[in-house]
Amino acid sequence: MADQDFKEPYNILYFLGFVVALLIPILPATLTWIRVLNGYAGF
């Protein structure tokens, strides 16, 4: 029982770390897309 209680939060932290690792390369791309869209709106 204690083993399962310990394993569950660890899996959640591992999953959150995985999501953050996926978002790190995506964040600059979204920022550049926002800049491009703002640039087109300026034209």
C-alpha atoms as a PDB file:
ATOM      1  CA  MET A   1       0.000   0.000   0.000  1.00  0.00           C
ATOM      2  CA  ALA A   2       2.769   2.457   0.951  1.00  0.00           C
ATOM      3  CA  ASP A   3       4.602   1.551  -2.260  1.00  0.00           C
ATOM      4  CA  GLN A   4       1.627   2.577  -4.410  1.00  0.00           C
ATOM      5  CA  ASP A   5       1.136   5.796  -2.414  1.00  0.00           C
ATOM      6  CA  PHE A   6       4.781   6.699  -3.066  1.00  0.00           C
ATOM      7  CA  LYS A   7       4.701   5.741  -6.742  1.00  0.00           C
ATOM      8  CA  GLU A   8       1.673   7.817  -7.775  1.00  0.00           C
ATOM      9  CA  PRO A   9       2.978  11.370  -7.032  1.00  0.00           C
ATOM     10  CA  TYR A  10       6.307  10.362  -8.616  1.00  0.00           C
ATOM     11  CA  ASN A  11       4.491   9.440 -11.844  1.00  0.00           C
ATOM     12  CA  ILE A  12       2.620  12.770 -11.782  1.00  0.00           C
ATOM     13  CA  LEU A  13       5.896  14.699 -11.332  1.00  0.00           C
ATOM     14  CA  TYR A  14       7.490  12.664 -14.144  1.00  0.00           C
ATOM     15  CA  PHE A  15       4.512  13.443 -16.394  1.00  0.00           C
ATOM     16  CA  LEU A  16       4.686  17.170 -15.557  1.00  0.00           C
ATOM     17  CA  GLY A  17       8.417  17.183 -16.306  1.00  0.00           C
ATOM     18  CA  PHE A  18       7.696  15.483 -19.639  1.00  0.00           C
ATOM     19  CA  VAL A  19       5.044  18.100 -20.514  1.00  0.00           C
ATOM     20  CA  VAL A  20       7.430  20.949 -19.588  1.00  0.00           C
ATOM     21  CA  ALA A  21      10.184  19.372 -21.705  1.00  0.00           C
ATOM     22  CA  LEU A  22       7.750  19.295 -24.645  1.00  0.00           C
ATOM     23  CA  LEU A  23       6.643  22.903 -24.088  1.00  0.00           C
ATOM     24  CA  ILE A  24      10.170  24.376 -23.880  1.00  0.00           C
ATOM     25  CA  PRO A  25      10.834  24.109 -27.672  1.00  0.00           C
ATOM     26  CA  ILE A  26       7.235  25.115 -28.492  1.00  0.00           C
ATOM     27  CA  LEU A  27       7.238  28.380 -26.477  1.00  0.00           C
ATOM     28  CA  PRO A  28       9.676  30.331 -28.724  1.00  0.00           C
ATOM     29  CA  ALA A  29       7.824  29.057 -31.811  1.00  0.00           C
ATOM     30  CA  THR A  30       4.494  30.370 -30.486  1.00  0.00           C
ATOM     31  CA  LEU A  31       6.128  33.709 -29.632  1.00  0.00           C
ATOM     32  CA  THR A  32       7.522  34.010 -33.163  1.00  0.00           C
ATOM     33  CA  TRP A  33       4.105  33.085 -34.622  1.00  0.00           C
ATOM     34  CA  ILE A  34       2.487  35.840 -32.511  1.00  0.00           C
ATOM     35  CA  ARG A  35       5.118  38.274 -33.827  1.00  0.00           C
ATOM     36  CA  VAL A  36       4.476  37.185 -37.425  1.00  0.00           C
ATOM     37  CA  LEU A  37       0.712  37.546 -37.017  1.00  0.00           C
ATOM     38  CA  ASN A  38       1.168  40.976 -35.424  1.00  0.00           C
ATOM     39  CA  GLY A  39       3.475  41.942 -38.285  1.00  0.00           C
ATOM     40  CA  TYR A  40       0.888  40.914 -40.886  1.00  0.00           C
ATOM     41  CA  ALA A  41      -1.767  42.809 -38.939  1.00  0.00           C
ATOM     42  CA  GLY A  42       0.512  45.886 -39.024  1.00  0.00           C
ATOM     43  CA  PHE A  43       0.670  45.679 -42.823  1.00  0.00           C
END
